[in-house]
Each structure stands twice: as C-alpha cells, then as structure tokens.
Amino acid sequence: EISLTDVSHYFDSDPTKVVRSLRKDGKMPKAFIADTTTANAQVRTLSGQVRLDSRTKLLNPKFYEAALKGGYEGVREITRRLRFTLGWSTTAG
C-alpha cells in the first residue's frame, strides 16, 4: 500500500501554485485527491489526506515502534516520511 506521504515527486511539481498565480484574485485553488488504498475509494481534500496519513503513520505507535526496531533504516524511513509530510503540508496550505 502506498499512501500520499510515501512519495515526494507529486508535491515537487504541484500545479496549484501556478494556478494561484494565474488567478486574478490570487486565491489558492482547492486541491482534492482520490484515496484508492481500499475498495471504497474516497475523494478528500489534500490537507485532509495529509492529516489522515500523519495519524495513520507518523503518529501511530505501531508504525513508529516497528520502524525503530529496524535500526537506522527504520529511522531513515521515519525521517523520509516526515520530510514528505512537511512538503505536502506546505503544498496543501
């Protein structure tokens, strides 16, 4: 299962900032994402999906305790996910 905060290349090339610069009112456009990790696909706001990913991974004791048991590789995974979460948070506004 791959979630939003597993990847960085999407927020690296996020088009919402370009669209905002083209709008006459300068407002940030709303961004939505389809969560298809389960059979019941749901459309959420980008910021809502980032919050959900944060709760289910970074703030979930089962996730980070298991990662920490993996030694330095586990710490690297937590660091990578935190970096991607911060990138997505910046993009989501």
PDB file of N, CA and C in Angstrom:
ATOM      1  N   GLU A   1       0.842  -1.179   0.000  1.00  0.00           N
ATOM      2  CA  GLU A   1       0.000   0.000   0.000  1.00  0.00           C
ATOM      3  C   GLU A   1       0.887   1.243   0.000  1.00  0.00           C
ATOM      4  N   ILE A   2       0.637   2.124  -0.909  1.00  0.00           N
ATOM      5  CA  ILE A   2       1.375   3.378  -0.994  1.00  0.00           C
ATOM      6  C   ILE A   2       0.398   4.506  -0.706  1.00  0.00           C
ATOM      7  N   SER A   3       0.779   5.340   0.232  1.00  0.00           N
ATOM      8  CA  SER A   3      -0.069   6.481   0.555  1.00  0.00           C
ATOM      9  C   SER A   3       0.594   7.770   0.068  1.00  0.00           C
ATOM     10  N   LEU A   4      -0.093   8.856   0.252  1.00  0.00           N
ATOM     11  CA  LEU A   4       0.361  10.148  -0.250  1.00  0.00           C
ATOM     12  C   LEU A   4       1.740  10.527   0.269  1.00  0.00           C
ATOM     13  N   THR A   5       1.989  10.279   1.548  1.00  0.00           N
ATOM     14  CA  THR A   5       3.260  10.703   2.133  1.00  0.00           C
ATOM     15  C   THR A   5       4.398   9.718   1.877  1.00  0.00           C
ATOM     16  N   ASP A   6       4.164   8.718   1.053  1.00  0.00           N
ATOM     17  CA  ASP A   6       5.238   7.812   0.634  1.00  0.00           C
ATOM     18  C   ASP A   6       6.031   8.380  -0.534  1.00  0.00           C
ATOM     19  N   VAL A   7       5.509   9.402  -1.174  1.00  0.00           N
ATOM     20  CA  VAL A   7       6.148   9.926  -2.388  1.00  0.00           C
ATOM     21  C   VAL A   7       6.328  11.440  -2.295  1.00  0.00           C
ATOM     22  N   SER A   8       7.362  11.936  -2.945  1.00  0.00           N
ATOM     23  CA  SER A   8       7.613  13.377  -2.916  1.00  0.00           C
ATOM     24  C   SER A   8       7.448  14.030  -4.275  1.00  0.00           C
ATOM     25  N   HIS A   9       7.540  13.262  -5.340  1.00  0.00           N
ATOM     26  CA  HIS A   9       7.570  13.897  -6.658  1.00  0.00           C
ATOM     27  C   HIS A   9       6.261  14.584  -7.025  1.00  0.00           C
ATOM     28  N   TYR A  10       5.176  14.283  -6.327  1.00  0.00           N
ATOM     29  CA  TYR A  10       3.932  14.978  -6.620  1.00  0.00           C
ATOM     30  C   TYR A  10       3.951  16.399  -6.073  1.00  0.00           C
ATOM     31  N   PHE A  11       4.377  16.581  -4.822  1.00  0.00           N
ATOM     32  CA  PHE A  11       4.381  17.945  -4.291  1.00  0.00           C
ATOM     33  C   PHE A  11       5.512  18.763  -4.884  1.00  0.00           C
ATOM     34  N   ASP A  12       6.527  18.104  -5.415  1.00  0.00           N
ATOM     35  CA  ASP A  12       7.605  18.832  -6.086  1.00  0.00           C
ATOM     36  C   ASP A  12       7.101  19.564  -7.334  1.00  0.00           C
ATOM     37  N   SER A  13       6.073  19.008  -7.972  1.00  0.00           N
ATOM     38  CA  SER A  13       5.560  19.618  -9.209  1.00  0.00           C
ATOM     39  C   SER A  13       4.070  19.946  -9.092  1.00  0.00           C
ATOM     40  N   ASP A  14       3.635  20.333  -7.911  1.00  0.00           N
ATOM     41  CA  ASP A  14       2.230  20.642  -7.656  1.00  0.00           C
ATOM     42  C   ASP A  14       1.778  21.857  -8.471  1.00  0.00           C
ATOM     43  N   PRO A  15       0.704  21.716  -9.254  1.00  0.00           N
ATOM     44  CA  PRO A  15       0.268  22.825 -10.117  1.00  0.00           C
ATOM     45  C   PRO A  15      -0.561  23.893  -9.414  1.00  0.00           C
ATOM     46  N   THR A  16      -0.964  23.692  -8.156  1.00  0.00           N
ATOM     47  CA  THR A  16      -1.857  24.678  -7.522  1.00  0.00           C
ATOM     48  C   THR A  16      -1.192  26.036  -7.363  1.00  0.00           C
ATOM     49  N   LYS A  17       0.106  26.078  -7.166  1.00  0.00           N
ATOM     50  CA  LYS A  17       0.796  27.368  -7.045  1.00  0.00           C
ATOM     51  C   LYS A  17       0.809  28.114  -8.374  1.00  0.00           C
ATOM     52  N   VAL A  18       0.933  27.380  -9.471  1.00  0.00           N
ATOM     53  CA  VAL A  18       0.895  28.002 -10.797  1.00  0.00           C
ATOM     54  C   VAL A  18      -0.498  28.563 -11.059  1.00  0.00           C
ATOM     55  N   VAL A  19      -1.517  27.766 -10.732  1.00  0.00           N
ATOM     56  CA  VAL A  19      -2.897  28.212 -10.944  1.00  0.00           C
ATOM     57  C   VAL A  19      -3.184  29.444 -10.092  1.00  0.00           C
ATOM     58  N   ARG A  20      -2.691  29.462  -8.857  1.00  0.00           N
ATOM     59  CA  ARG A  20      -2.905  30.624  -7.981  1.00  0.00           C
ATOM     60  C   ARG A  20      -2.309  31.885  -8.602  1.00  0.00           C
ATOM     61  N   SER A  21      -1.145  31.753  -9.204  1.00  0.00           N
ATOM     62  CA  SER A  21      -0.521  32.935  -9.814  1.00  0.00           C
ATOM     63  C   SER A  21      -1.298  33.408 -11.042  1.00  0.00           C
ATOM     64  N   LEU A  22      -2.065  32.532 -11.664  1.00  0.00           N
ATOM     65  CA  LEU A  22      -2.845  32.908 -12.837  1.00  0.00           C
ATOM     66  C   LEU A  22      -4.208  33.502 -12.480  1.00  0.00           C
ATOM     67  N   ARG A  23      -4.686  33.220 -11.269  1.00  0.00           N
ATOM     68  CA  ARG A  23      -5.986  33.746 -10.849  1.00  0.00           C
ATOM     69  C   ARG A  23      -5.869  35.230 -10.570  1.00  0.00           C
ATOM     70  N   LYS A  24      -6.868  35.969 -10.955  1.00  0.00           N
ATOM     71  CA  LYS A  24      -6.863  37.414 -10.736  1.00  0.00           C
ATOM     72  C   LYS A  24      -7.023  37.772  -9.255  1.00  0.00           C
ATOM     73  N   ASP A  25      -7.724  36.915  -8.493  1.00  0.00           N
ATOM     74  CA  ASP A  25      -7.932  37.211  -7.076  1.00  0.00           C
ATOM     75  C   ASP A  25      -6.796  36.686  -6.197  1.00  0.00           C
ATOM     76  N   GLY A  26      -5.869  35.894  -6.759  1.00  0.00           N
ATOM     77  CA  GLY A  26      -4.707  35.408  -6.016  1.00  0.00           C
ATOM     78  C   GLY A  26      -5.003  34.317  -5.005  1.00  0.00           C
ATOM     79  N   LYS A  27      -6.242  33.803  -4.981  1.00  0.00           N
ATOM     80  CA  LYS A  27      -6.595  32.759  -4.020  1.00  0.00           C
ATOM     81  C   LYS A  27      -6.013  31.418  -4.439  1.00  0.00           C
ATOM     82  N   MET A  28      -5.709  30.603  -3.446  1.00  0.00           N
ATOM     83  CA  MET A  28      -5.204  29.254  -3.693  1.00  0.00           C
ATOM     84  C   MET A  28      -6.370  28.370  -4.132  1.00  0.00           C
ATOM     85  N   PRO A  29      -6.227  27.655  -5.236  1.00  0.00           N
ATOM     86  CA  PRO A  29      -7.306  26.753  -5.657  1.00  0.00           C
ATOM     87  C   PRO A  29      -7.421  25.574  -4.700  1.00  0.00           C
ATOM     88  N   LYS A  30      -8.597  25.019  -4.593  1.00  0.00           N
ATOM     89  CA  LYS A  30      -8.794  23.841  -3.755  1.00  0.00           C
ATOM     90  C   LYS A  30      -8.177  22.641  -4.455  1.00  0.00           C
ATOM     91  N   ALA A  31      -7.530  21.792  -3.687  1.00  0.00           N
ATOM     92  CA  ALA A  31      -6.909  20.592  -4.234  1.00  0.00           C
ATOM     93  C   ALA A  31      -7.557  19.372  -3.589  1.00  0.00           C
ATOM     94  N   PHE A  32      -7.926  18.404  -4.414  1.00  0.00           N
ATOM     95  CA  PHE A  32      -8.546  17.175  -3.947  1.00  0.00           C
ATOM     96  C   PHE A  32      -7.719  15.997  -4.425  1.00  0.00           C
ATOM     97  N   ILE A  33      -7.829  14.899  -3.699  1.00  0.00           N
ATOM     98  CA  ILE A  33      -7.091  13.699  -4.062  1.00  0.00           C
ATOM     99  C   ILE A  33      -7.987  12.489  -3.843  1.00  0.00           C
ATOM    100  N   ALA A  34      -7.865  11.521  -4.723  1.00  0.00           N
ATOM    101  CA  ALA A  34      -8.633  10.286  -4.594  1.00  0.00           C
ATOM    102  C   ALA A  34      -7.814   9.278  -3.811  1.00  0.00           C
ATOM    103  N   ASP A  35      -8.368   8.806  -2.716  1.00  0.00           N
ATOM    104  CA  ASP A  35      -7.726   7.775  -1.905  1.00  0.00           C
ATOM    105  C   ASP A  35      -8.254   6.428  -2.384  1.00  0.00           C
ATOM    106  N   THR A  36      -7.422   5.692  -3.088  1.00  0.00           N
ATOM    107  CA  THR A  36      -7.831   4.394  -3.635  1.00  0.00           C
ATOM    108  C   THR A  36      -7.089   3.250  -2.956  1.00  0.00           C
ATOM    109  N   THR A  37      -6.675   3.455  -1.704  1.00  0.00           N
ATOM    110  CA  THR A  37      -5.946   2.404  -0.984  1.00  0.00           C
ATOM    111  C   THR A  37      -6.866   1.297  -0.495  1.00  0.00           C
ATOM    112  N   THR A  38      -8.180   1.518  -0.533  1.00  0.00           N
ATOM    113  CA  THR A  38      -9.143   0.481  -0.160  1.00  0.00           C
ATOM    114  C   THR A  38     -10.155   0.324  -1.290  1.00  0.00           C
ATOM    115  N   ALA A  39     -11.005  -0.664  -1.159  1.00  0.00           N
ATOM    116  CA  ALA A  39     -12.030  -0.902  -2.176  1.00  0.00           C
ATOM    117  C   ALA A  39     -13.043   0.249  -2.232  1.00  0.00           C
ATOM    118  N   ASN A  40     -13.204   0.953  -1.126  1.00  0.00           N
ATOM    119  CA  ASN A  40     -14.130   2.087  -1.060  1.00  0.00           C
ATOM    120  C   ASN A  40     -13.360   3.381  -1.292  1.00  0.00           C
ATOM    121  N   ALA A  41     -13.083   3.690  -2.538  1.00  0.00           N
ATOM    122  CA  ALA A  41     -12.323   4.896  -2.870  1.00  0.00           C
ATOM    123  C   ALA A  41     -13.065   6.129  -2.377  1.00  0.00           C
ATOM    124  N   GLN A  42     -12.297   7.082  -1.833  1.00  0.00           N
ATOM    125  CA  GLN A  42     -12.878   8.315  -1.328  1.00  0.00           C
ATOM    126  C   GLN A  42     -12.093   9.502  -1.858  1.00  0.00           C
ATOM    127  N   VAL A  43     -12.805  10.587  -2.102  1.00  0.00           N
ATOM    128  CA  VAL A  43     -12.160  11.830  -2.512  1.00  0.00           C
ATOM    129  C   VAL A  43     -12.092  12.722  -1.279  1.00  0.00           C
ATOM    130  N   ARG A  44     -10.877  13.184  -1.000  1.00  0.00           N
ATOM    131  CA  ARG A  44     -10.654  14.046   0.159  1.00  0.00           C
ATOM    132  C   ARG A  44      -9.922  15.307  -0.286  1.00  0.00           C
ATOM    133  N   THR A  45      -9.965  16.328   0.565  1.00  0.00           N
ATOM    134  CA  THR A  45      -9.130  17.488   0.305  1.00  0.00           C
ATOM    135  C   THR A  45      -7.680  17.064   0.510  1.00  0.00           C
ATOM    136  N   LEU A  46      -6.784  17.766  -0.116  1.00  0.00           N
ATOM    137  CA  LEU A  46      -5.369  17.440   0.023  1.00  0.00           C
ATOM    138  C   LEU A  46      -4.933  17.565   1.482  1.00  0.00           C
ATOM    139  N   SER A  47      -5.356  18.633   2.145  1.00  0.00           N
ATOM    140  CA  SER A  47      -4.968  18.809   3.549  1.00  0.00           C
ATOM    141  C   SER A  47      -5.577  17.719   4.436  1.00  0.00           C
ATOM    142  N   GLY A  48      -6.788  17.288   4.131  1.00  0.00           N
ATOM    143  CA  GLY A  48      -7.412  16.197   4.882  1.00  0.00           C
ATOM    144  C   GLY A  48      -6.662  14.888   4.716  1.00  0.00           C
ATOM    145  N   GLN A  49      -6.184  14.624   3.513  1.00  0.00           N
ATOM    146  CA  GLN A  49      -5.432  13.402   3.255  1.00  0.00           C
ATOM    147  C   GLN A  49      -4.074  13.430   3.972  1.00  0.00           C
ATOM    148  N   VAL A  50      -3.430  14.594   3.998  1.00  0.00           N
ATOM    149  CA  VAL A  50      -2.152  14.719   4.711  1.00  0.00           C
ATOM    150  C   VAL A  50      -2.365  14.461   6.198  1.00  0.00           C
ATOM    151  N   ARG A  51      -3.436  15.018   6.758  1.00  0.00           N
ATOM    152  CA  ARG A  51      -3.734  14.781   8.183  1.00  0.00           C
ATOM    153  C   ARG A  51      -3.998  13.306   8.446  1.00  0.00           C
ATOM    154  N   LEU A  52      -4.761  12.656   7.562  1.00  0.00           N
ATOM    155  CA  LEU A  52      -5.064  11.236   7.731  1.00  0.00           C
ATOM    156  C   LEU A  52      -3.788  10.395   7.665  1.00  0.00           C
ATOM    157  N   ASP A  53      -2.935  10.670   6.684  1.00  0.00           N
ATOM    158  CA  ASP A  53      -1.671   9.938   6.570  1.00  0.00           C
ATOM    159  C   ASP A  53      -0.798  10.148   7.803  1.00  0.00           C
ATOM    160  N   SER A  54      -0.797  11.356   8.335  1.00  0.00           N
ATOM    161  CA  SER A  54       0.007  11.637   9.531  1.00  0.00           C
ATOM    162  C   SER A  54      -0.482  10.829  10.717  1.00  0.00           C
ATOM    163  N   ARG A  55      -1.793  10.760  10.886  1.00  0.00           N
ATOM    164  CA  ARG A  55      -2.349   9.995  12.010  1.00  0.00           C
ATOM    165  C   ARG A  55      -2.104   8.507  11.854  1.00  0.00           C
ATOM    166  N   THR A  56      -2.245   7.989  10.646  1.00  0.00           N
ATOM    167  CA  THR A  56      -2.134   6.541  10.459  1.00  0.00           C
ATOM    168  C   THR A  56      -0.699   6.049  10.385  1.00  0.00           C
ATOM    169  N   LYS A  57       0.245   6.929  10.127  1.00  0.00           N
ATOM    170  CA  LYS A  57       1.651   6.511  10.042  1.00  0.00           C
ATOM    171  C   LYS A  57       2.485   7.182  11.126  1.00  0.00           C
ATOM    172  N   LEU A  58       2.854   8.428  10.943  1.00  0.00           N
ATOM    173  CA  LEU A  58       3.800   9.097  11.845  1.00  0.00           C
ATOM    174  C   LEU A  58       3.356   9.114  13.307  1.00  0.00           C
ATOM    175  N   LEU A  59       2.091   9.322  13.557  1.00  0.00           N
ATOM    176  CA  LEU A  59       1.595   9.415  14.933  1.00  0.00           C
ATOM    177  C   LEU A  59       1.069   8.086  15.459  1.00  0.00           C
ATOM    178  N   ASN A  60       1.189   7.038  14.680  1.00  0.00           N
ATOM    179  CA  ASN A  60       0.697   5.720  15.069  1.00  0.00           C
ATOM    180  C   ASN A  60       1.825   4.944  15.759  1.00  0.00           C
ATOM    181  N   PRO A  61       1.668   4.628  17.051  1.00  0.00           N
ATOM    182  CA  PRO A  61       2.733   3.902  17.753  1.00  0.00           C
ATOM    183  C   PRO A  61       3.122   2.580  17.093  1.00  0.00           C
ATOM    184  N   LYS A  62       2.174   1.882  16.505  1.00  0.00           N
ATOM    185  CA  LYS A  62       2.509   0.616  15.840  1.00  0.00           C
ATOM    186  C   LYS A  62       3.475   0.848  14.677  1.00  0.00           C
ATOM    187  N   PHE A  63       3.280   1.943  13.951  1.00  0.00           N
ATOM    188  CA  PHE A  63       4.165   2.245  12.823  1.00  0.00           C
ATOM    189  C   PHE A  63       5.556   2.620  13.293  1.00  0.00           C
ATOM    190  N   TYR A  64       5.642   3.635  14.176  1.00  0.00           N
ATOM    191  CA  TYR A  64       6.982   4.118  14.513  1.00  0.00           C
ATOM    192  C   TYR A  64       7.749   3.167  15.418  1.00  0.00           C
ATOM    193  N   GLU A  65       7.063   2.396  16.265  1.00  0.00           N
ATOM    194  CA  GLU A  65       7.782   1.419  17.090  1.00  0.00           C
ATOM    195  C   GLU A  65       8.358   0.307  16.225  1.00  0.00           C
ATOM    196  N   ALA A  66       7.578  -0.139  15.232  1.00  0.00           N
ATOM    197  CA  ALA A  66       8.083  -1.161  14.314  1.00  0.00           C
ATOM    198  C   ALA A  66       9.240  -0.619  13.484  1.00  0.00           C
ATOM    199  N   ALA A  67       9.135   0.637  13.061  1.00  0.00           N
ATOM    200  CA  ALA A  67      10.210   1.239  12.276  1.00  0.00           C
ATOM    201  C   ALA A  67      11.483   1.361  13.109  1.00  0.00           C
ATOM    202  N   LEU A  68      11.342   1.757  14.368  1.00  0.00           N
ATOM    203  CA  LEU A  68      12.511   1.913  15.229  1.00  0.00           C
ATOM    204  C   LEU A  68      13.208   0.578  15.504  1.00  0.00           C
ATOM    205  N   LYS A  69      12.466  -0.504  15.481  1.00  0.00           N
ATOM    206  CA  LYS A  69      13.083  -1.829  15.647  1.00  0.00           C
ATOM    207  C   LYS A  69      13.986  -2.162  14.468  1.00  0.00           C
ATOM    208  N   GLY A  70      13.782  -1.481  13.351  1.00  0.00           N
ATOM    209  CA  GLY A  70      14.593  -1.710  12.160  1.00  0.00           C
ATOM    210  C   GLY A  70      15.924  -0.975  12.190  1.00  0.00           C
ATOM    211  N   GLY A  71      16.245  -0.354  13.323  1.00  0.00           N
ATOM    212  CA  GLY A  71      17.530   0.332  13.446  1.00  0.00           C
ATOM    213  C   GLY A  71      17.590   1.587  12.585  1.00  0.00           C
ATOM    214  N   TYR A  72      18.782   1.814  12.017  1.00  0.00           N
ATOM    215  CA  TYR A  72      18.970   3.059  11.258  1.00  0.00           C
ATOM    216  C   TYR A  72      18.088   3.128  10.017  1.00  0.00           C
ATOM    217  N   GLU A  73      17.763   1.985   9.424  1.00  0.00           N
ATOM    218  CA  GLU A  73      16.854   2.003   8.259  1.00  0.00           C
ATOM    219  C   GLU A  73      15.458   2.460   8.666  1.00  0.00           C
ATOM    220  N   GLY A  74      15.013   2.034   9.830  1.00  0.00           N
ATOM    221  CA  GLY A  74      13.712   2.467  10.329  1.00  0.00           C
ATOM    222  C   GLY A  74      13.679   3.957  10.624  1.00  0.00           C
ATOM    223  N   VAL A  75      14.770   4.455  11.212  1.00  0.00           N
ATOM    224  CA  VAL A  75      14.866   5.889  11.479  1.00  0.00           C
ATOM    225  C   VAL A  75      14.873   6.669  10.171  1.00  0.00           C
ATOM    226  N   ARG A  76      15.558   6.129   9.172  1.00  0.00           N
ATOM    227  CA  ARG A  76      15.583   6.787   7.871  1.00  0.00           C
ATOM    228  C   ARG A  76      14.182   6.821   7.251  1.00  0.00           C
ATOM    229  N   GLU A  77      13.418   5.751   7.425  1.00  0.00           N
ATOM    230  CA  GLU A  77      12.043   5.720   6.908  1.00  0.00           C
ATOM    231  C   GLU A  77      11.178   6.773   7.602  1.00  0.00           C
ATOM    232  N   ILE A  78      11.294   6.883   8.919  1.00  0.00           N
ATOM    233  CA  ILE A  78      10.525   7.894   9.660  1.00  0.00           C
ATOM    234  C   ILE A  78      10.923   9.291   9.205  1.00  0.00           C
ATOM    235  N   THR A  79      12.214   9.532   9.048  1.00  0.00           N
ATOM    236  CA  THR A  79      12.708  10.840   8.604  1.00  0.00           C
ATOM    237  C   THR A  79      12.202  11.182   7.209  1.00  0.00           C
ATOM    238  N   ARG A  80      12.243  10.205   6.310  1.00  0.00           N
ATOM    239  CA  ARG A  80      11.773  10.413   4.941  1.00  0.00           C
ATOM    240  C   ARG A  80      10.288  10.762   4.934  1.00  0.00           C
ATOM    241  N   ARG A  81       9.516   9.997   5.693  1.00  0.00           N
ATOM    242  CA  ARG A  81       8.072  10.247   5.740  1.00  0.00           C
ATOM    243  C   ARG A  81       7.775  11.607   6.357  1.00  0.00           C
ATOM    244  N   LEU A  82       8.511  12.008   7.379  1.00  0.00           N
ATOM    245  CA  LEU A  82       8.317  13.319   7.990  1.00  0.00           C
ATOM    246  C   LEU A  82       8.645  14.425   6.989  1.00  0.00           C
ATOM    247  N   ARG A  83       9.726  14.256   6.242  1.00  0.00           N
ATOM    248  CA  ARG A  83      10.107  15.254   5.237  1.00  0.00           C
ATOM    249  C   ARG A  83       9.023  15.376   4.160  1.00  0.00           C
ATOM    250  N   PHE A  84       8.500  14.251   3.703  1.00  0.00           N
ATOM    251  CA  PHE A  84       7.445  14.280   2.687  1.00  0.00           C
ATOM    252  C   PHE A  84       6.156  14.874   3.254  1.00  0.00           C
ATOM    253  N   THR A  85       5.858  14.573   4.516  1.00  0.00           N
ATOM    254  CA  THR A  85       4.660  15.133   5.144  1.00  0.00           C
ATOM    255  C   THR A  85       4.764  16.652   5.237  1.00  0.00           C
ATOM    256  N   LEU A  86       5.947  17.140   5.594  1.00  0.00           N
ATOM    257  CA  LEU A  86       6.137  18.598   5.644  1.00  0.00           C
ATOM    258  C   LEU A  86       5.991  19.209   4.253  1.00  0.00           C
ATOM    259  N   GLY A  87       6.515  18.538   3.231  1.00  0.00           N
ATOM    260  CA  GLY A  87       6.366  19.030   1.858  1.00  0.00           C
ATOM    261  C   GLY A  87       4.907  19.084   1.446  1.00  0.00           C
ATOM    262  N   TRP A  88       4.163  18.024   1.760  1.00  0.00           N
ATOM    263  CA  TRP A  88       2.750  18.009   1.412  1.00  0.00           C
ATOM    264  C   TRP A  88       1.974  19.056   2.218  1.00  0.00           C
ATOM    265  N   SER A  89       2.339  19.237   3.474  1.00  0.00           N
ATOM    266  CA  SER A  89       1.651  20.243   4.315  1.00  0.00           C
ATOM    267  C   SER A  89       1.840  21.632   3.734  1.00  0.00           C
ATOM    268  N   THR A  90       3.033  21.915   3.252  1.00  0.00           N
ATOM    269  CA  THR A  90       3.304  23.215   2.631  1.00  0.00           C
ATOM    270  C   THR A  90       2.467  23.393   1.380  1.00  0.00           C
ATOM    271  N   THR A  91       2.377  22.336   0.583  1.00  0.00           N
ATOM    272  CA  THR A  91       1.593  22.382  -0.653  1.00  0.00           C
ATOM    273  C   THR A  91       0.102  22.520  -0.345  1.00  0.00           C
ATOM    274  N   ALA A  92      -0.373  21.776   0.662  1.00  0.00           N
ATOM    275  CA  ALA A  92      -1.800  21.760   0.973  1.00  0.00           C
ATOM    276  C   ALA A  92      -2.269  23.051   1.609  1.00  0.00           C
ATOM    277  N   GLY A  93      -1.365  23.806   2.181  1.00  0.00           N
ATOM    278  CA  GLY A  93      -1.736  25.087   2.790  1.00  0.00           C
ATOM    279  C   GLY A  93      -2.253  24.984   4.187  1.00  0.00           C
TER     280      GLY A  93
END
